[in-house]
Amino acid sequence: MTDKHVTPLASAHLAKEGDDAALGDTERHGFLPIETNWFDRLFISVVIWVALSLFWFRFIEPIGLSIWISNAIALALGAFIIRKG
């Protein structure tokens, strides 16, 4: 038995066509060369933090500088990217 009356998803009725803000997609233009929302910028910040930590463990920590310096740099850079990116 198939139902001939297909009802659309409930979330389709929440936003009008072209109204991205109602769906939570607040894309904006910053210094990054792509359109991003806050989660994209957060993901980019986490990837940079991991890459910086690996670089720091391999090259900088043997010199004697603590990983906490790398974490502070990554936190500041991540906040900047999320805010302005």
C-alpha atoms as a PDB file:
ATOM      1  CA  MET A   1       0.000   0.000   0.000  1.00  0.00           C
ATOM      2  CA  THR A   2       1.510   3.255  -1.082  1.00  0.00           C
ATOM      3  CA  ASP A   3       0.375   6.612   0.157  1.00  0.00           C
ATOM      4  CA  LYS A   4      -0.375   8.972  -2.703  1.00  0.00           C
ATOM      5  CA  HIS A   5      -0.202  12.003  -0.417  1.00  0.00           C
ATOM      6  CA  VAL A   6       3.439  12.636   0.354  1.00  0.00           C
ATOM      7  CA  THR A   7       3.983  15.193   3.075  1.00  0.00           C
ATOM      8  CA  PRO A   8       7.190  17.235   3.010  1.00  0.00           C
ATOM      9  CA  LEU A   9       9.541  17.361   5.940  1.00  0.00           C
ATOM     10  CA  ALA A  10       8.543  19.671   8.761  1.00  0.00           C
ATOM     11  CA  SER A  11      11.778  21.650   8.508  1.00  0.00           C
ATOM     12  CA  ALA A  12      10.974  22.620   4.922  1.00  0.00           C
ATOM     13  CA  HIS A  13       8.150  24.819   6.179  1.00  0.00           C
ATOM     14  CA  LEU A  14      10.300  26.738   8.660  1.00  0.00           C
ATOM     15  CA  ALA A  15      12.105  28.904   6.131  1.00  0.00           C
ATOM     16  CA  LYS A  16      10.996  30.696   3.054  1.00  0.00           C
ATOM     17  CA  GLU A  17      12.923  30.271  -0.150  1.00  0.00           C
ATOM     18  CA  GLY A  18      16.153  32.284   0.027  1.00  0.00           C
ATOM     19  CA  ASP A  19      15.984  32.697   3.812  1.00  0.00           C
ATOM     20  CA  ASP A  20      19.235  31.063   4.943  1.00  0.00           C
ATOM     21  CA  ALA A  21      19.295  32.660   8.397  1.00  0.00           C
ATOM     22  CA  ALA A  22      16.297  30.601   9.519  1.00  0.00           C
ATOM     23  CA  LEU A  23      18.201  27.378   8.845  1.00  0.00           C
ATOM     24  CA  GLY A  24      21.281  28.462  10.788  1.00  0.00           C
ATOM     25  CA  ASP A  25      23.472  28.909   7.715  1.00  0.00           C
ATOM     26  CA  THR A  26      25.000  32.282   8.416  1.00  0.00           C
ATOM     27  CA  GLU A  27      27.698  32.293   5.780  1.00  0.00           C
ATOM     28  CA  ARG A  28      29.869  35.368   5.662  1.00  0.00           C
ATOM     29  CA  HIS A  29      32.874  36.679   3.868  1.00  0.00           C
ATOM     30  CA  GLY A  30      36.107  37.171   5.778  1.00  0.00           C
ATOM     31  CA  PHE A  31      39.775  36.882   4.960  1.00  0.00           C
ATOM     32  CA  LEU A  32      39.472  33.161   4.191  1.00  0.00           C
ATOM     33  CA  PRO A  33      39.192  32.540   0.430  1.00  0.00           C
ATOM     34  CA  ILE A  34      35.978  30.495   0.844  1.00  0.00           C
ATOM     35  CA  GLU A  35      32.507  31.144   2.209  1.00  0.00           C
ATOM     36  CA  THR A  36      32.316  29.678   5.703  1.00  0.00           C
ATOM     37  CA  ASN A  37      29.957  29.394   8.636  1.00  0.00           C
ATOM     38  CA  TRP A  38      31.080  29.232  12.270  1.00  0.00           C
ATOM     39  CA  PHE A  39      31.493  25.456  12.238  1.00  0.00           C
ATOM     40  CA  ASP A  40      33.727  25.560   9.157  1.00  0.00           C
ATOM     41  CA  ARG A  41      35.946  28.139  10.832  1.00  0.00           C
ATOM     42  CA  LEU A  42      36.029  26.047  14.030  1.00  0.00           C
ATOM     43  CA  PHE A  43      37.061  22.974  12.032  1.00  0.00           C
ATOM     44  CA  ILE A  44      39.814  24.921  10.253  1.00  0.00           C
ATOM     45  CA  SER A  45      41.056  26.170  13.632  1.00  0.00           C
ATOM     46  CA  VAL A  46      41.192  22.643  15.072  1.00  0.00           C
ATOM     47  CA  VAL A  47      43.097  21.347  12.031  1.00  0.00           C
ATOM     48  CA  ILE A  48      45.614  24.194  12.373  1.00  0.00           C
ATOM     49  CA  TRP A  49      45.957  23.446  16.103  1.00  0.00           C
ATOM     50  CA  VAL A  50      46.750  19.780  15.409  1.00  0.00           C
ATOM     51  CA  ALA A  51      49.232  20.667  12.655  1.00  0.00           C
ATOM     52  CA  LEU A  52      50.941  23.266  14.844  1.00  0.00           C
ATOM     53  CA  SER A  53      51.158  20.804  17.732  1.00  0.00           C
ATOM     54  CA  LEU A  54      52.754  18.132  15.549  1.00  0.00           C
ATOM     55  CA  PHE A  55      55.219  20.664  14.119  1.00  0.00           C
ATOM     56  CA  TRP A  56      55.988  21.874  17.653  1.00  0.00           C
ATOM     57  CA  PHE A  57      56.589  18.335  18.975  1.00  0.00           C
ATOM     58  CA  ARG A  58      58.931  17.524  16.094  1.00  0.00           C
ATOM     59  CA  PHE A  59      61.008  20.683  15.777  1.00  0.00           C
ATOM     60  CA  ILE A  60      60.507  23.147  18.638  1.00  0.00           C
ATOM     61  CA  GLU A  61      60.076  21.066  21.784  1.00  0.00           C
ATOM     62  CA  PRO A  62      63.512  19.402  21.486  1.00  0.00           C
ATOM     63  CA  ILE A  63      64.981  22.909  21.707  1.00  0.00           C
ATOM     64  CA  GLY A  64      63.342  23.276  25.107  1.00  0.00           C
ATOM     65  CA  LEU A  65      60.140  25.277  24.597  1.00  0.00           C
ATOM     66  CA  SER A  66      56.988  23.862  26.166  1.00  0.00           C
ATOM     67  CA  ILE A  67      53.964  22.674  24.198  1.00  0.00           C
ATOM     68  CA  TRP A  68      51.836  25.130  26.215  1.00  0.00           C
ATOM     69  CA  ILE A  69      53.276  27.948  24.128  1.00  0.00           C
ATOM     70  CA  SER A  70      52.023  26.172  21.017  1.00  0.00           C
ATOM     71  CA  ASN A  71      48.598  25.737  22.597  1.00  0.00           C
ATOM     72  CA  ALA A  72      48.419  29.445  23.467  1.00  0.00           C
ATOM     73  CA  ILE A  73      49.363  30.394  19.890  1.00  0.00           C
ATOM     74  CA  ALA A  74      46.794  27.947  18.470  1.00  0.00           C
ATOM     75  CA  LEU A  75      44.081  29.258  20.817  1.00  0.00           C
ATOM     76  CA  ALA A  76      44.743  32.877  19.845  1.00  0.00           C
ATOM     77  CA  LEU A  77      44.884  31.994  16.151  1.00  0.00           C
ATOM     78  CA  GLY A  78      41.698  29.911  16.425  1.00  0.00           C
ATOM     79  CA  ALA A  79      39.813  32.726  18.150  1.00  0.00           C
ATOM     80  CA  PHE A  80      40.968  35.111  15.419  1.00  0.00           C
ATOM     81  CA  ILE A  81      39.905  32.757  12.619  1.00  0.00           C
ATOM     82  CA  ILE A  82      36.500  32.067  14.150  1.00  0.00           C
ATOM     83  CA  ARG A  83      35.898  35.769  14.811  1.00  0.00           C
ATOM     84  CA  LYS A  84      37.236  37.362  11.630  1.00  0.00           C
ATOM     85  CA  GLY A  85      37.622  34.479   9.162  1.00  0.00           C
END
